[in-house]
Amino acid sequence: MASGKVKWFNNAKGYGFVVEDGKSEDLFAHFSAIQMDGYKTLKAGQSVQFDVIQGPKGLHAINIRTQEAAPALSHDATPVVSTVGA
């Protein structure tokens, strides 16, 4: 799986381009190739991981995943236990 950054992405058109780290060639990125729940979009400059395939008009990024980590859980949080109905 390759890593890179989003060059640009147009939500209205549903596509954009990503650039693999260390390379200069643009890779076509269609919204249907984005692996996430909900509204599938990318932001310019966002770090992504993806697979590369040869499409009919050039290289395509597929299986696109964002690299933003989920928020860390606080270790000092006290769990809330309900005693209602006990």
N, C-alpha and C. Protein backbone atom coordinates (compact mmCIF):
# COMPACT_ATOMS: atom_id res chain seq x y z
N MET A 1 0.85 -1.18 0.00
CA MET A 1 0.00 0.00 0.00
C MET A 1 0.90 1.24 0.00
N ALA A 2 0.59 2.18 -0.85
CA ALA A 2 1.38 3.41 -0.99
C ALA A 2 0.84 4.50 -0.06
N SER A 3 1.68 5.48 0.22
CA SER A 3 1.29 6.64 1.03
C SER A 3 1.50 7.90 0.21
N GLY A 4 0.70 8.92 0.49
CA GLY A 4 0.85 10.18 -0.21
C GLY A 4 -0.06 11.24 0.37
N LYS A 5 -0.29 12.28 -0.43
CA LYS A 5 -1.13 13.40 0.00
C LYS A 5 -2.14 13.73 -1.09
N VAL A 6 -3.25 14.28 -0.65
CA VAL A 6 -4.28 14.73 -1.59
C VAL A 6 -3.82 16.03 -2.22
N LYS A 7 -3.79 16.08 -3.55
CA LYS A 7 -3.42 17.31 -4.26
C LYS A 7 -4.63 18.24 -4.27
N TRP A 8 -5.77 17.73 -4.72
CA TRP A 8 -7.04 18.45 -4.63
C TRP A 8 -8.18 17.46 -4.81
N PHE A 9 -9.36 17.83 -4.31
CA PHE A 9 -10.54 16.99 -4.44
C PHE A 9 -11.76 17.89 -4.55
N ASN A 10 -12.58 17.66 -5.58
CA ASN A 10 -13.78 18.46 -5.83
C ASN A 10 -15.00 17.65 -5.41
N ASN A 11 -15.66 18.06 -4.33
CA ASN A 11 -16.83 17.33 -3.84
C ASN A 11 -17.96 17.31 -4.86
N ALA A 12 -18.19 18.41 -5.55
CA ALA A 12 -19.29 18.50 -6.51
C ALA A 12 -19.10 17.52 -7.67
N LYS A 13 -17.86 17.34 -8.11
CA LYS A 13 -17.57 16.44 -9.22
C LYS A 13 -17.29 15.01 -8.75
N GLY A 14 -16.93 14.85 -7.48
CA GLY A 14 -16.71 13.52 -6.94
C GLY A 14 -15.35 12.91 -7.26
N TYR A 15 -14.40 13.75 -7.62
CA TYR A 15 -13.06 13.22 -7.89
C TYR A 15 -12.00 14.28 -7.63
N GLY A 16 -10.77 13.82 -7.65
CA GLY A 16 -9.61 14.70 -7.46
C GLY A 16 -8.35 13.91 -7.76
N PHE A 17 -7.25 14.36 -7.20
CA PHE A 17 -5.97 13.70 -7.46
C PHE A 17 -5.15 13.62 -6.19
N VAL A 18 -4.39 12.53 -6.07
CA VAL A 18 -3.44 12.35 -4.98
C VAL A 18 -2.06 12.17 -5.60
N VAL A 19 -1.03 12.43 -4.80
CA VAL A 19 0.35 12.27 -5.25
C VAL A 19 1.06 11.36 -4.25
N GLU A 20 1.67 10.30 -4.77
CA GLU A 20 2.41 9.36 -3.92
C GLU A 20 3.67 10.02 -3.39
N ASP A 21 4.00 9.75 -2.13
CA ASP A 21 5.21 10.29 -1.52
C ASP A 21 6.43 9.93 -2.37
N GLY A 22 7.27 10.93 -2.65
CA GLY A 22 8.50 10.71 -3.41
C GLY A 22 8.31 10.66 -4.91
N LYS A 23 7.09 10.86 -5.39
CA LYS A 23 6.82 10.82 -6.83
C LYS A 23 6.09 12.09 -7.23
N SER A 24 6.03 12.34 -8.53
CA SER A 24 5.40 13.58 -8.99
C SER A 24 4.14 13.35 -9.82
N GLU A 25 3.87 12.11 -10.22
CA GLU A 25 2.72 11.83 -11.08
C GLU A 25 1.41 11.88 -10.30
N ASP A 26 0.42 12.57 -10.86
CA ASP A 26 -0.91 12.64 -10.26
C ASP A 26 -1.63 11.31 -10.45
N LEU A 27 -2.32 10.87 -9.40
CA LEU A 27 -3.13 9.65 -9.45
C LEU A 27 -4.59 10.05 -9.31
N PHE A 28 -5.42 9.61 -10.24
CA PHE A 28 -6.84 9.92 -10.21
C PHE A 28 -7.48 9.29 -8.98
N ALA A 29 -8.32 10.04 -8.28
CA ALA A 29 -8.99 9.55 -7.07
C ALA A 29 -10.48 9.83 -7.18
N HIS A 30 -11.29 8.78 -7.34
CA HIS A 30 -12.74 8.91 -7.43
C HIS A 30 -13.34 8.66 -6.05
N PHE A 31 -14.45 9.35 -5.75
CA PHE A 31 -15.05 9.22 -4.41
C PHE A 31 -15.40 7.77 -4.09
N SER A 32 -15.72 6.96 -5.09
CA SER A 32 -16.10 5.57 -4.84
C SER A 32 -14.92 4.72 -4.37
N ALA A 33 -13.68 5.22 -4.52
CA ALA A 33 -12.48 4.50 -4.09
C ALA A 33 -12.09 4.84 -2.65
N ILE A 34 -12.82 5.79 -2.03
CA ILE A 34 -12.50 6.21 -0.66
C ILE A 34 -13.14 5.23 0.32
N GLN A 35 -12.34 4.69 1.22
CA GLN A 35 -12.80 3.71 2.21
C GLN A 35 -13.08 4.41 3.53
N MET A 36 -14.31 4.88 3.70
CA MET A 36 -14.72 5.50 4.96
C MET A 36 -16.23 5.44 5.05
N ASP A 37 -16.73 5.55 6.26
CA ASP A 37 -18.18 5.58 6.47
C ASP A 37 -18.68 7.00 6.23
N GLY A 38 -19.95 7.11 5.87
CA GLY A 38 -20.55 8.42 5.69
C GLY A 38 -20.15 9.07 4.38
N TYR A 39 -20.12 10.40 4.41
CA TYR A 39 -19.82 11.20 3.23
C TYR A 39 -18.36 11.03 2.83
N LYS A 40 -18.11 10.54 1.63
CA LYS A 40 -16.76 10.24 1.17
C LYS A 40 -16.14 11.46 0.51
N THR A 41 -15.18 12.06 1.20
CA THR A 41 -14.50 13.24 0.69
C THR A 41 -13.06 13.26 1.17
N LEU A 42 -12.25 14.05 0.51
CA LEU A 42 -10.84 14.24 0.89
C LEU A 42 -10.56 15.73 0.91
N LYS A 43 -9.53 16.12 1.67
CA LYS A 43 -9.12 17.52 1.74
C LYS A 43 -7.72 17.68 1.19
N ALA A 44 -7.46 18.78 0.49
CA ALA A 44 -6.11 19.06 -0.04
C ALA A 44 -5.10 19.02 1.10
N GLY A 45 -4.00 18.32 0.87
CA GLY A 45 -2.94 18.22 1.87
C GLY A 45 -3.12 17.08 2.85
N GLN A 46 -4.26 16.41 2.81
CA GLN A 46 -4.54 15.31 3.74
C GLN A 46 -3.66 14.10 3.41
N SER A 47 -3.12 13.46 4.43
CA SER A 47 -2.31 12.25 4.25
C SER A 47 -3.23 11.06 4.02
N VAL A 48 -2.89 10.23 3.03
CA VAL A 48 -3.70 9.07 2.68
C VAL A 48 -2.82 7.87 2.36
N GLN A 49 -3.41 6.68 2.44
CA GLN A 49 -2.79 5.45 1.98
C GLN A 49 -3.71 4.89 0.91
N PHE A 50 -3.13 4.20 -0.08
CA PHE A 50 -3.93 3.72 -1.20
C PHE A 50 -3.15 2.67 -1.99
N ASP A 51 -3.88 1.96 -2.85
CA ASP A 51 -3.28 1.06 -3.82
C ASP A 51 -3.31 1.77 -5.16
N VAL A 52 -2.40 1.41 -6.05
CA VAL A 52 -2.31 2.05 -7.36
C VAL A 52 -2.60 1.01 -8.44
N ILE A 53 -3.48 1.37 -9.39
CA ILE A 53 -3.75 0.51 -10.54
C ILE A 53 -3.66 1.35 -11.81
N GLN A 54 -3.46 0.67 -12.93
CA GLN A 54 -3.46 1.34 -14.23
C GLN A 54 -4.89 1.42 -14.72
N GLY A 55 -5.38 2.63 -14.96
CA GLY A 55 -6.71 2.83 -15.49
C GLY A 55 -6.64 3.07 -16.99
N PRO A 56 -7.77 3.29 -17.65
CA PRO A 56 -7.78 3.50 -19.10
C PRO A 56 -7.05 4.77 -19.55
N LYS A 57 -6.96 5.76 -18.65
CA LYS A 57 -6.31 7.03 -19.03
C LYS A 57 -5.17 7.40 -18.10
N GLY A 58 -4.65 6.45 -17.36
CA GLY A 58 -3.56 6.76 -16.44
C GLY A 58 -3.72 6.00 -15.13
N LEU A 59 -2.90 6.38 -14.16
CA LEU A 59 -2.90 5.68 -12.88
C LEU A 59 -4.05 6.16 -11.99
N HIS A 60 -4.63 5.21 -11.25
CA HIS A 60 -5.73 5.48 -10.33
C HIS A 60 -5.33 5.06 -8.93
N ALA A 61 -5.74 5.84 -7.94
CA ALA A 61 -5.62 5.44 -6.54
C ALA A 61 -6.92 4.75 -6.16
N ILE A 62 -6.81 3.56 -5.57
CA ILE A 62 -8.00 2.84 -5.11
C ILE A 62 -7.80 2.44 -3.65
N ASN A 63 -8.86 1.99 -3.01
CA ASN A 63 -8.79 1.61 -1.58
C ASN A 63 -8.16 2.73 -0.76
N ILE A 64 -8.61 3.96 -1.00
CA ILE A 64 -8.03 5.14 -0.34
C ILE A 64 -8.49 5.21 1.11
N ARG A 65 -7.51 5.33 2.00
CA ARG A 65 -7.79 5.46 3.44
C ARG A 65 -7.07 6.69 3.97
N THR A 66 -7.77 7.45 4.81
CA THR A 66 -7.12 8.59 5.45
C THR A 66 -6.24 8.09 6.58
N GLN A 67 -5.22 8.87 6.93
CA GLN A 67 -4.28 8.46 7.96
C GLN A 67 -4.49 9.17 9.28
N GLU A 68 -5.55 9.94 9.42
CA GLU A 68 -5.81 10.61 10.68
C GLU A 68 -6.16 9.57 11.72
N ALA A 69 -5.51 9.64 12.84
CA ALA A 69 -5.78 8.68 13.92
C ALA A 69 -7.04 9.08 14.66
N ALA A 70 -7.69 8.10 15.23
CA ALA A 70 -8.86 8.37 16.06
C ALA A 70 -8.41 9.09 17.33
N PRO A 71 -9.24 9.93 17.90
CA PRO A 71 -8.86 10.63 19.13
C PRO A 71 -8.51 9.64 20.22
N ALA A 72 -7.47 9.94 20.95
CA ALA A 72 -7.03 9.06 22.04
C ALA A 72 -8.00 9.15 23.20
N LEU A 73 -8.21 8.04 23.85
CA LEU A 73 -9.06 8.03 25.04
C LEU A 73 -8.23 8.43 26.24
N SER A 74 -8.82 9.19 27.12
CA SER A 74 -8.13 9.62 28.32
C SER A 74 -8.04 8.46 29.30
N HIS A 75 -6.87 8.25 29.86
CA HIS A 75 -6.67 7.16 30.81
C HIS A 75 -7.13 7.53 32.21
N ASP A 76 -7.37 8.80 32.47
CA ASP A 76 -7.78 9.20 33.81
C ASP A 76 -9.30 9.37 33.94
N ALA A 77 -10.03 8.98 32.92
CA ALA A 77 -11.49 9.10 32.96
C ALA A 77 -12.06 8.01 33.86
N THR A 78 -13.04 8.38 34.66
CA THR A 78 -13.70 7.43 35.55
C THR A 78 -14.96 6.93 34.87
N PRO A 79 -15.12 5.61 34.77
CA PRO A 79 -16.33 5.09 34.13
C PRO A 79 -17.57 5.45 34.94
N VAL A 80 -18.66 5.70 34.26
CA VAL A 80 -19.92 6.02 34.92
C VAL A 80 -20.74 4.74 35.00
N VAL A 81 -21.16 4.40 36.21
CA VAL A 81 -21.95 3.20 36.42
C VAL A 81 -23.33 3.61 36.90
N SER A 82 -24.34 3.16 36.20
CA SER A 82 -25.72 3.50 36.57
C SER A 82 -26.23 2.54 37.63
N THR A 83 -26.86 3.09 38.65
CA THR A 83 -27.47 2.26 39.69
C THR A 83 -28.99 2.34 39.63
N VAL A 84 -29.51 2.97 38.60
CA VAL A 84 -30.96 3.11 38.45
C VAL A 84 -31.54 1.73 38.13
N GLY A 85 -32.56 1.35 38.87
CA GLY A 85 -33.23 0.08 38.62
C GLY A 85 -32.46 -1.12 39.15
N ALA A 86 -31.46 -0.89 39.98
CA ALA A 86 -30.67 -2.01 40.50
C ALA A 86 -31.33 -2.63 41.70
